[in-house]
Amino acid sequence: MAPTTPVANKKARGLAAVKLKEPLLIDTEEFSEEFRLIEKDLNENLLGHVKVNVRNMTFEWTDGENRAIADEVRSAGLRENMRHGVFRTDPTHRMSGTIDSTIFKKHVHDPKGKKTVSLEQVKEFNRSVEFPIFNPGSNVKIEMQSGQHRMKILQELRTDIDDHWWIVSVYRNGIKL
């Protein structure tokens, strides 16, 4: 027989104990039009999503300063994630960069790297989830707007320079937002 106690337990248990949290009222309405316009400008200036080798990337900006590479401690989480898988083709992990559209047109090739393709062909490949290649044999650099930390870690994890590539969303430079 269980011991009896004169103290009654009145603390709620199970579902009765779950406290309902009041939702936070976050007013984002004031930014929605601004975000919509930025997204619209980006879409209008998108040249395409292409496979770019690190040889054709520069993380130095012509009109400002890119942030410094994160130290070992700050990049440890990203490094550990990339040890388990490098998701270069995943849309959420794409890098972004800018270049003059006439230069882009001269150096973007079909996915097999055989021949130059037009902007419309780039868009057609992208609709089929195929990625044309930015000619790694050229000395032309895409000004990278993101991805410098990922590329540095990729270079540490993979020793073959031909494996130092990423899918990049390339935009026409000179976008005025």
N, C-alpha and C. Protein backbone atom coordinates (compact mmCIF):
# COMPACT_ATOMS: atom_id res chain seq x y z
N MET A 1 0.82 -1.17 0.00
CA MET A 1 0.00 0.00 0.00
C MET A 1 0.88 1.25 0.00
N ALA A 2 0.53 2.21 -0.86
CA ALA A 2 1.31 3.44 -0.98
C ALA A 2 1.09 4.33 0.23
N PRO A 3 2.15 5.03 0.62
CA PRO A 3 1.98 5.92 1.76
C PRO A 3 1.00 7.04 1.43
N THR A 4 0.27 7.48 2.37
CA THR A 4 -0.67 8.58 2.16
C THR A 4 -0.11 9.85 2.77
N THR A 5 -0.50 10.94 2.21
CA THR A 5 0.00 12.23 2.70
C THR A 5 -1.17 13.21 2.78
N PRO A 6 -1.14 14.07 3.72
CA PRO A 6 -2.23 15.04 3.83
C PRO A 6 -2.10 16.16 2.80
N VAL A 7 -0.97 16.23 2.08
CA VAL A 7 -0.75 17.30 1.10
C VAL A 7 -1.33 16.86 -0.24
N ALA A 8 -2.19 17.65 -0.80
CA ALA A 8 -2.78 17.34 -2.11
C ALA A 8 -1.97 18.06 -3.18
N ASN A 9 -1.66 17.35 -4.25
CA ASN A 9 -0.91 17.92 -5.36
C ASN A 9 -1.90 18.54 -6.33
N LYS A 10 -1.85 19.85 -6.45
CA LYS A 10 -2.80 20.55 -7.32
C LYS A 10 -2.12 21.08 -8.59
N LYS A 11 -0.87 20.68 -8.81
CA LYS A 11 -0.15 21.14 -9.99
C LYS A 11 -0.71 20.41 -11.22
N ALA A 12 -0.97 21.15 -12.27
CA ALA A 12 -1.52 20.57 -13.48
C ALA A 12 -0.51 19.64 -14.13
N ARG A 13 -1.00 18.56 -14.69
CA ARG A 13 -0.16 17.57 -15.37
C ARG A 13 -0.65 17.37 -16.81
N GLY A 14 0.23 16.82 -17.64
CA GLY A 14 -0.16 16.48 -19.02
C GLY A 14 -0.51 17.70 -19.84
N LEU A 15 -1.55 17.58 -20.67
CA LEU A 15 -1.95 18.68 -21.55
C LEU A 15 -2.43 19.89 -20.77
N ALA A 16 -2.96 19.66 -19.58
CA ALA A 16 -3.42 20.78 -18.77
C ALA A 16 -2.26 21.66 -18.33
N ALA A 17 -1.05 21.09 -18.30
CA ALA A 17 0.12 21.85 -17.86
C ALA A 17 0.74 22.71 -18.96
N VAL A 18 0.36 22.46 -20.20
CA VAL A 18 0.94 23.20 -21.32
C VAL A 18 0.46 24.64 -21.27
N LYS A 19 1.40 25.54 -21.23
CA LYS A 19 1.06 26.96 -21.19
C LYS A 19 0.94 27.47 -22.61
N LEU A 20 -0.10 28.18 -22.87
CA LEU A 20 -0.28 28.76 -24.19
C LEU A 20 0.50 30.06 -24.26
N LYS A 21 1.33 30.19 -25.27
CA LYS A 21 2.13 31.39 -25.43
C LYS A 21 1.35 32.39 -26.27
N GLU A 22 1.40 33.60 -25.85
CA GLU A 22 0.77 34.67 -26.61
C GLU A 22 1.61 34.92 -27.87
N PRO A 23 1.00 34.96 -29.03
CA PRO A 23 1.81 35.25 -30.23
C PRO A 23 2.34 36.69 -30.19
N LEU A 24 3.55 36.85 -30.66
CA LEU A 24 4.14 38.18 -30.73
C LEU A 24 3.59 38.90 -31.94
N LEU A 25 3.19 40.11 -31.75
CA LEU A 25 2.70 40.90 -32.87
C LEU A 25 3.89 41.57 -33.54
N ILE A 26 4.20 41.12 -34.75
CA ILE A 26 5.34 41.67 -35.49
C ILE A 26 4.77 42.34 -36.73
N ASP A 27 4.98 43.60 -36.81
CA ASP A 27 4.45 44.36 -37.93
C ASP A 27 5.52 44.45 -39.01
N THR A 28 5.38 43.68 -40.06
CA THR A 28 6.34 43.72 -41.17
C THR A 28 5.72 44.39 -42.39
N GLU A 29 4.53 44.85 -42.26
CA GLU A 29 3.83 45.45 -43.39
C GLU A 29 4.61 46.61 -44.01
N GLU A 30 5.30 47.39 -43.16
CA GLU A 30 6.02 48.55 -43.67
C GLU A 30 7.15 48.16 -44.61
N PHE A 31 7.66 46.92 -44.50
CA PHE A 31 8.76 46.49 -45.35
C PHE A 31 8.31 45.68 -46.56
N SER A 32 7.11 45.22 -46.59
CA SER A 32 6.70 44.28 -47.64
C SER A 32 6.86 44.87 -49.05
N GLU A 33 6.51 46.11 -49.25
CA GLU A 33 6.65 46.71 -50.58
C GLU A 33 8.13 46.86 -50.95
N GLU A 34 8.96 47.23 -49.98
CA GLU A 34 10.39 47.36 -50.24
C GLU A 34 10.99 46.00 -50.61
N PHE A 35 10.65 44.96 -49.86
CA PHE A 35 11.14 43.62 -50.17
C PHE A 35 10.65 43.15 -51.53
N ARG A 36 9.42 43.46 -51.85
CA ARG A 36 8.86 43.05 -53.14
C ARG A 36 9.62 43.72 -54.28
N LEU A 37 9.93 44.99 -54.13
CA LEU A 37 10.66 45.72 -55.17
C LEU A 37 12.09 45.18 -55.33
N ILE A 38 12.74 44.85 -54.22
CA ILE A 38 14.09 44.29 -54.29
C ILE A 38 14.05 42.96 -55.02
N GLU A 39 13.11 42.10 -54.65
CA GLU A 39 12.98 40.79 -55.30
C GLU A 39 12.68 40.95 -56.79
N LYS A 40 11.83 41.92 -57.14
CA LYS A 40 11.49 42.18 -58.54
C LYS A 40 12.75 42.62 -59.32
N ASP A 41 13.53 43.53 -58.74
CA ASP A 41 14.76 43.99 -59.39
C ASP A 41 15.75 42.85 -59.56
N LEU A 42 15.88 42.02 -58.53
CA LEU A 42 16.80 40.88 -58.64
C LEU A 42 16.37 39.94 -59.77
N ASN A 43 15.08 39.62 -59.82
CA ASN A 43 14.60 38.72 -60.88
C ASN A 43 14.81 39.30 -62.27
N GLU A 44 14.61 40.61 -62.40
CA GLU A 44 14.80 41.25 -63.71
C GLU A 44 16.27 41.27 -64.12
N ASN A 45 17.18 41.25 -63.15
CA ASN A 45 18.61 41.33 -63.45
C ASN A 45 19.34 40.00 -63.34
N LEU A 46 18.59 38.92 -63.11
CA LEU A 46 19.20 37.59 -63.03
C LEU A 46 19.62 37.13 -64.42
N LEU A 47 20.89 36.82 -64.57
CA LEU A 47 21.40 36.30 -65.84
C LEU A 47 21.22 34.79 -65.89
N GLY A 48 21.33 34.14 -64.75
CA GLY A 48 21.14 32.69 -64.69
C GLY A 48 21.91 32.06 -63.55
N HIS A 49 21.65 30.77 -63.36
CA HIS A 49 22.34 29.98 -62.35
C HIS A 49 23.35 29.11 -63.09
N VAL A 50 24.63 29.29 -62.79
CA VAL A 50 25.68 28.59 -63.52
C VAL A 50 26.71 27.99 -62.57
N LYS A 51 27.39 26.97 -63.06
CA LYS A 51 28.47 26.33 -62.32
C LYS A 51 29.72 27.19 -62.52
N VAL A 52 30.30 27.65 -61.40
CA VAL A 52 31.46 28.54 -61.47
C VAL A 52 32.60 27.95 -60.65
N ASN A 53 33.78 27.87 -61.25
CA ASN A 53 34.97 27.40 -60.55
C ASN A 53 35.56 28.57 -59.78
N VAL A 54 36.27 28.27 -58.70
CA VAL A 54 36.87 29.31 -57.86
C VAL A 54 37.83 30.18 -58.68
N ARG A 55 38.40 29.63 -59.76
CA ARG A 55 39.30 30.42 -60.62
C ARG A 55 38.59 31.65 -61.19
N ASN A 56 37.26 31.55 -61.33
CA ASN A 56 36.49 32.64 -61.92
C ASN A 56 35.72 33.44 -60.88
N MET A 57 36.13 33.36 -59.63
CA MET A 57 35.47 34.10 -58.56
C MET A 57 36.44 35.10 -57.95
N THR A 58 35.92 36.27 -57.61
CA THR A 58 36.68 37.20 -56.78
C THR A 58 35.77 37.66 -55.66
N PHE A 59 36.31 37.65 -54.46
CA PHE A 59 35.55 38.08 -53.31
C PHE A 59 35.93 39.50 -52.90
N GLU A 60 36.68 40.18 -53.77
CA GLU A 60 37.02 41.58 -53.55
C GLU A 60 36.04 42.42 -54.34
N TRP A 61 35.43 43.36 -53.68
CA TRP A 61 34.41 44.19 -54.31
C TRP A 61 35.01 45.47 -54.86
N THR A 62 34.47 45.91 -56.00
CA THR A 62 34.96 47.15 -56.60
C THR A 62 34.43 48.38 -55.88
N ASP A 63 33.31 48.25 -55.19
CA ASP A 63 32.69 49.42 -54.55
C ASP A 63 32.46 49.21 -53.05
N GLY A 64 33.44 48.74 -52.37
CA GLY A 64 33.28 48.54 -50.93
C GLY A 64 34.15 47.41 -50.44
N GLU A 65 33.84 46.93 -49.28
CA GLU A 65 34.66 45.92 -48.66
C GLU A 65 33.82 44.73 -48.25
N ASN A 66 34.22 43.54 -48.66
CA ASN A 66 33.58 42.31 -48.23
C ASN A 66 34.03 42.03 -46.80
N ARG A 67 33.24 41.29 -46.05
CA ARG A 67 33.67 41.00 -44.68
C ARG A 67 34.86 40.04 -44.69
N ALA A 68 35.62 40.10 -43.62
CA ALA A 68 36.79 39.23 -43.50
C ALA A 68 36.35 37.78 -43.31
N ILE A 69 37.22 36.86 -43.71
CA ILE A 69 36.94 35.43 -43.51
C ILE A 69 36.82 35.18 -42.01
N ALA A 70 35.80 34.42 -41.64
CA ALA A 70 35.56 34.11 -40.22
C ALA A 70 36.71 33.26 -39.68
N ASP A 71 37.01 33.47 -38.40
CA ASP A 71 38.07 32.69 -37.77
C ASP A 71 37.63 31.23 -37.57
N GLU A 72 38.56 30.43 -37.14
CA GLU A 72 38.34 28.98 -36.99
C GLU A 72 37.14 28.66 -36.09
N VAL A 73 37.02 29.37 -35.00
CA VAL A 73 35.94 29.11 -34.04
C VAL A 73 34.58 29.44 -34.65
N ARG A 74 34.48 30.59 -35.33
CA ARG A 74 33.21 31.02 -35.91
C ARG A 74 32.81 30.18 -37.12
N SER A 75 33.76 29.59 -37.82
CA SER A 75 33.44 28.79 -39.00
C SER A 75 33.35 27.30 -38.69
N ALA A 76 33.52 26.90 -37.43
CA ALA A 76 33.51 25.48 -37.05
C ALA A 76 32.20 24.80 -37.40
N GLY A 77 31.07 25.45 -37.16
CA GLY A 77 29.77 24.86 -37.46
C GLY A 77 29.59 24.61 -38.95
N LEU A 78 29.94 25.59 -39.77
CA LEU A 78 29.84 25.42 -41.22
C LEU A 78 30.78 24.32 -41.70
N ARG A 79 31.99 24.29 -41.18
CA ARG A 79 32.96 23.26 -41.56
C ARG A 79 32.41 21.87 -41.24
N GLU A 80 31.84 21.71 -40.05
CA GLU A 80 31.30 20.42 -39.64
C GLU A 80 30.13 20.01 -40.54
N ASN A 81 29.25 20.96 -40.87
CA ASN A 81 28.14 20.66 -41.78
C ASN A 81 28.65 20.22 -43.14
N MET A 82 29.68 20.89 -43.65
CA MET A 82 30.20 20.57 -44.97
C MET A 82 30.97 19.26 -44.97
N ARG A 83 31.45 18.81 -43.83
CA ARG A 83 32.09 17.48 -43.76
C ARG A 83 31.07 16.38 -44.04
N HIS A 84 29.82 16.64 -43.65
CA HIS A 84 28.75 15.65 -43.83
C HIS A 84 28.10 15.73 -45.21
N GLY A 85 28.39 16.77 -45.94
CA GLY A 85 27.83 16.90 -47.28
C GLY A 85 27.99 18.32 -47.80
N VAL A 86 28.38 18.42 -49.06
CA VAL A 86 28.52 19.72 -49.71
C VAL A 86 27.35 19.82 -50.68
N PHE A 87 26.41 20.70 -50.37
CA PHE A 87 25.18 20.79 -51.14
C PHE A 87 25.24 21.99 -52.09
N ARG A 88 26.12 21.90 -53.08
CA ARG A 88 26.37 23.03 -53.98
C ARG A 88 25.22 23.32 -54.91
N THR A 89 24.38 22.32 -55.21
CA THR A 89 23.29 22.53 -56.16
C THR A 89 21.98 22.87 -55.47
N ASP A 90 21.92 22.79 -54.15
CA ASP A 90 20.70 23.10 -53.41
C ASP A 90 20.43 24.60 -53.53
N PRO A 91 19.23 24.99 -53.97
CA PRO A 91 18.93 26.43 -54.15
C PRO A 91 19.15 27.27 -52.89
N THR A 92 18.95 26.70 -51.73
CA THR A 92 19.14 27.50 -50.51
C THR A 92 20.62 27.75 -50.20
N HIS A 93 21.51 27.01 -50.84
CA HIS A 93 22.95 27.17 -50.58
C HIS A 93 23.68 27.85 -51.73
N ARG A 94 22.96 28.34 -52.72
CA ARG A 94 23.62 28.97 -53.86
C ARG A 94 24.33 30.24 -53.46
N MET A 95 25.44 30.45 -54.12
CA MET A 95 26.17 31.70 -53.93
C MET A 95 25.59 32.70 -54.93
N SER A 96 25.93 33.97 -54.77
CA SER A 96 25.48 34.97 -55.73
C SER A 96 26.66 35.84 -56.13
N GLY A 97 26.58 36.33 -57.36
CA GLY A 97 27.64 37.17 -57.87
C GLY A 97 27.13 38.09 -58.95
N THR A 98 27.95 39.06 -59.33
CA THR A 98 27.58 40.01 -60.37
C THR A 98 28.68 40.09 -61.42
N ILE A 99 28.22 40.38 -62.65
CA ILE A 99 29.16 40.56 -63.77
C ILE A 99 28.43 41.32 -64.87
N ASP A 100 29.17 41.97 -65.73
CA ASP A 100 28.59 42.65 -66.88
C ASP A 100 27.95 41.61 -67.79
N SER A 101 26.74 41.88 -68.25
CA SER A 101 26.01 40.87 -69.03
C SER A 101 26.69 40.52 -70.35
N THR A 102 27.38 41.47 -70.99
CA THR A 102 28.05 41.15 -72.26
C THR A 102 29.22 40.20 -72.02
N ILE A 103 29.91 40.36 -70.91
CA ILE A 103 31.02 39.46 -70.57
C ILE A 103 30.47 38.08 -70.22
N PHE A 104 29.37 38.06 -69.46
CA PHE A 104 28.74 36.79 -69.10
C PHE A 104 28.38 35.99 -70.36
N LYS A 105 27.76 36.66 -71.33
CA LYS A 105 27.32 35.99 -72.56
C LYS A 105 28.49 35.36 -73.32
N LYS A 106 29.66 35.97 -73.25
CA LYS A 106 30.83 35.46 -73.97
C LYS A 106 31.45 34.23 -73.31
N HIS A 107 31.20 34.05 -72.01
CA HIS A 107 31.93 33.02 -71.26
C HIS A 107 31.07 31.92 -70.66
N VAL A 108 29.77 31.93 -70.93
CA VAL A 108 28.92 30.87 -70.37
C VAL A 108 28.72 29.79 -71.43
N HIS A 109 28.96 28.55 -71.03
CA HIS A 109 28.92 27.41 -71.95
C HIS A 109 27.83 26.42 -71.53
N ASP A 110 27.47 25.53 -72.44
CA ASP A 110 26.49 24.49 -72.13
C ASP A 110 27.01 23.63 -70.96
N PRO A 111 26.14 22.84 -70.32
CA PRO A 111 26.56 22.05 -69.15
C PRO A 111 27.75 21.12 -69.40
N LYS A 112 28.00 20.72 -70.64
CA LYS A 112 29.15 19.87 -70.94
C LYS A 112 30.39 20.69 -71.24
N GLY A 113 30.24 22.03 -71.31
CA GLY A 113 31.38 22.92 -71.53
C GLY A 113 31.87 22.96 -72.96
N LYS A 114 31.03 22.52 -73.89
CA LYS A 114 31.45 22.42 -75.29
C LYS A 114 31.31 23.72 -76.07
N LYS A 115 30.16 24.43 -75.92
CA LYS A 115 29.94 25.62 -76.75
C LYS A 115 29.27 26.72 -75.94
N THR A 116 29.47 27.95 -76.40
CA THR A 116 28.86 29.11 -75.78
C THR A 116 27.35 29.07 -76.00
N VAL A 117 26.60 29.51 -74.99
CA VAL A 117 25.14 29.52 -75.11
C VAL A 117 24.61 30.93 -74.86
N SER A 118 23.41 31.19 -75.35
CA SER A 118 22.77 32.50 -75.20
C SER A 118 22.10 32.59 -73.82
N LEU A 119 21.69 33.80 -73.46
CA LEU A 119 20.97 33.99 -72.20
C LEU A 119 19.67 33.20 -72.17
N GLU A 120 18.98 33.14 -73.30
CA GLU A 120 17.74 32.37 -73.36
C GLU A 120 18.02 30.88 -73.16
N GLN A 121 19.11 30.39 -73.71
CA GLN A 121 19.48 28.99 -73.50
C GLN A 121 19.86 28.73 -72.05
N VAL A 122 20.50 29.70 -71.40
CA VAL A 122 20.82 29.56 -69.97
C VAL A 122 19.53 29.40 -69.18
N LYS A 123 18.55 30.25 -69.47
CA LYS A 123 17.27 30.18 -68.76
C LYS A 123 16.56 28.86 -69.04
N GLU A 124 16.66 28.37 -70.26
CA GLU A 124 16.05 27.07 -70.61
C GLU A 124 16.74 25.93 -69.84
N PHE A 125 18.05 25.96 -69.79
CA PHE A 125 18.77 24.95 -68.99
C PHE A 125 18.32 25.02 -67.53
N ASN A 126 18.23 26.24 -67.00
CA ASN A 126 17.84 26.41 -65.59
C ASN A 126 16.42 25.90 -65.34
N ARG A 127 15.52 26.09 -66.30
CA ARG A 127 14.16 25.56 -66.15
C ARG A 127 14.17 24.04 -66.06
N SER A 128 15.16 23.41 -66.70
CA SER A 128 15.31 21.96 -66.66
C SER A 128 16.22 21.52 -65.51
N VAL A 129 16.55 22.44 -64.64
CA VAL A 129 17.46 22.23 -63.52
C VAL A 129 18.80 21.66 -64.01
N GLU A 130 19.31 22.31 -65.04
CA GLU A 130 20.66 22.04 -65.54
C GLU A 130 21.43 23.35 -65.41
N PHE A 131 22.73 23.23 -65.22
CA PHE A 131 23.53 24.41 -64.96
C PHE A 131 24.65 24.55 -65.98
N PRO A 132 24.55 25.58 -66.83
CA PRO A 132 25.66 25.87 -67.74
C PRO A 132 26.92 26.16 -66.93
N ILE A 133 28.05 26.12 -67.60
CA ILE A 133 29.35 26.29 -66.96
C ILE A 133 29.93 27.64 -67.37
N PHE A 134 30.41 28.40 -66.38
CA PHE A 134 31.15 29.61 -66.69
C PHE A 134 32.56 29.15 -67.03
N ASN A 135 33.06 29.50 -68.20
CA ASN A 135 34.31 28.98 -68.74
C ASN A 135 35.48 29.10 -67.76
N PRO A 136 35.91 27.97 -67.17
CA PRO A 136 37.01 28.02 -66.20
C PRO A 136 38.37 28.30 -66.85
N GLY A 137 38.44 28.21 -68.18
CA GLY A 137 39.69 28.49 -68.88
C GLY A 137 39.95 29.97 -69.07
N SER A 138 38.93 30.79 -68.81
CA SER A 138 39.11 32.24 -68.98
C SER A 138 39.63 32.87 -67.69
N ASN A 139 40.17 34.07 -67.83
CA ASN A 139 40.66 34.81 -66.66
C ASN A 139 39.61 35.77 -66.13
N VAL A 140 38.37 35.64 -66.60
CA VAL A 140 37.30 36.54 -66.19
C VAL A 140 36.81 36.16 -64.80
N LYS A 141 36.58 37.17 -63.97
CA LYS A 141 36.14 36.95 -62.59
C LYS A 141 34.73 37.48 -62.38
N ILE A 142 33.92 36.69 -61.69
CA ILE A 142 32.60 37.12 -61.24
C ILE A 142 32.79 37.71 -59.86
N GLU A 143 32.25 38.90 -59.64
CA GLU A 143 32.36 39.54 -58.33
C GLU A 143 31.34 38.88 -57.40
N MET A 144 31.84 38.07 -56.50
CA MET A 144 30.98 37.29 -55.62
C MET A 144 30.43 38.15 -54.49
N GLN A 145 29.12 38.04 -54.30
CA GLN A 145 28.45 38.79 -53.24
C GLN A 145 28.25 37.94 -51.99
N SER A 146 28.37 36.64 -52.14
CA SER A 146 28.21 35.74 -50.99
C SER A 146 29.02 34.47 -51.25
N GLY A 147 29.27 33.71 -50.19
CA GLY A 147 29.87 32.40 -50.32
C GLY A 147 31.35 32.28 -50.02
N GLN A 148 32.01 33.35 -49.63
CA GLN A 148 33.46 33.26 -49.43
C GLN A 148 33.84 32.28 -48.33
N HIS A 149 33.01 32.17 -47.30
CA HIS A 149 33.32 31.24 -46.20
C HIS A 149 33.14 29.80 -46.68
N ARG A 150 32.06 29.55 -47.44
CA ARG A 150 31.83 28.20 -47.98
C ARG A 150 32.95 27.77 -48.92
N MET A 151 33.39 28.70 -49.77
CA MET A 151 34.43 28.35 -50.74
C MET A 151 35.75 28.06 -50.03
N LYS A 152 36.08 28.84 -49.02
CA LYS A 152 37.33 28.60 -48.28
C LYS A 152 37.31 27.21 -47.64
N ILE A 153 36.21 26.86 -47.02
CA ILE A 153 36.10 25.55 -46.37
C ILE A 153 36.09 24.43 -47.41
N LEU A 154 35.42 24.65 -48.54
CA LEU A 154 35.42 23.64 -49.62
C LEU A 154 36.85 23.38 -50.08
N GLN A 155 37.65 24.43 -50.21
CA GLN A 155 39.03 24.26 -50.64
C GLN A 155 39.85 23.49 -49.61
N GLU A 156 39.50 23.61 -48.35
CA GLU A 156 40.19 22.84 -47.31
C GLU A 156 39.77 21.37 -47.34
N LEU A 157 38.49 21.12 -47.60
CA LEU A 157 37.96 19.76 -47.55
C LEU A 157 38.25 18.95 -48.82
N ARG A 158 38.30 19.61 -49.96
CA ARG A 158 38.54 18.92 -51.23
C ARG A 158 39.86 19.41 -51.81
N THR A 159 40.74 18.50 -52.14
CA THR A 159 42.08 18.90 -52.60
C THR A 159 42.16 19.16 -54.10
N ASP A 160 41.29 18.55 -54.90
CA ASP A 160 41.32 18.71 -56.34
C ASP A 160 40.73 20.07 -56.74
N ILE A 161 41.53 20.92 -57.40
CA ILE A 161 41.06 22.26 -57.77
C ILE A 161 39.86 22.20 -58.72
N ASP A 162 39.73 21.13 -59.50
CA ASP A 162 38.57 21.01 -60.38
C ASP A 162 37.29 20.76 -59.60
N ASP A 163 37.40 20.44 -58.33
CA ASP A 163 36.24 20.22 -57.47
C ASP A 163 35.89 21.48 -56.68
N HIS A 164 36.59 22.58 -56.94
CA HIS A 164 36.33 23.84 -56.24
C HIS A 164 35.36 24.68 -57.05
N TRP A 165 34.12 24.25 -57.14
CA TRP A 165 33.08 24.95 -57.89
C TRP A 165 31.83 25.04 -57.03
N TRP A 166 30.92 25.92 -57.46
CA TRP A 166 29.64 26.08 -56.78
C TRP A 166 28.63 26.58 -57.81
N ILE A 167 27.34 26.34 -57.55
CA ILE A 167 26.31 26.92 -58.39
C ILE A 167 26.09 28.35 -57.90
N VAL A 168 26.19 29.29 -58.83
CA VAL A 168 26.12 30.71 -58.50
C VAL A 168 24.95 31.34 -59.25
N SER A 169 24.14 32.10 -58.54
CA SER A 169 23.10 32.92 -59.17
C SER A 169 23.81 34.20 -59.59
N VAL A 170 23.92 34.38 -60.91
CA VAL A 170 24.69 35.51 -61.44
C VAL A 170 23.73 36.61 -61.87
N TYR A 171 24.00 37.81 -61.40
CA TYR A 171 23.18 38.99 -61.71
C TYR A 171 23.97 39.98 -62.54
N ARG A 172 23.27 40.75 -63.34
CA ARG A 172 23.85 41.83 -64.11
C ARG A 172 24.39 42.86 -63.12
N ASN A 173 25.65 43.26 -63.28
CA ASN A 173 26.17 44.25 -62.32
C ASN A 173 25.59 45.62 -62.62
N GLY A 174 25.68 46.49 -61.64
CA GLY A 174 25.12 47.83 -61.79
C GLY A 174 23.66 47.92 -61.41
N ILE A 175 23.15 46.95 -60.66
CA ILE A 175 21.75 47.00 -60.23
C ILE A 175 21.59 48.21 -59.30
N LYS A 176 20.61 49.01 -59.57
CA LYS A 176 20.32 50.18 -58.72
C LYS A 176 19.08 49.88 -57.91
N LEU A 177 19.26 49.65 -56.62
CA LEU A 177 18.10 49.36 -55.76
C LEU A 177 17.62 50.58 -55.04
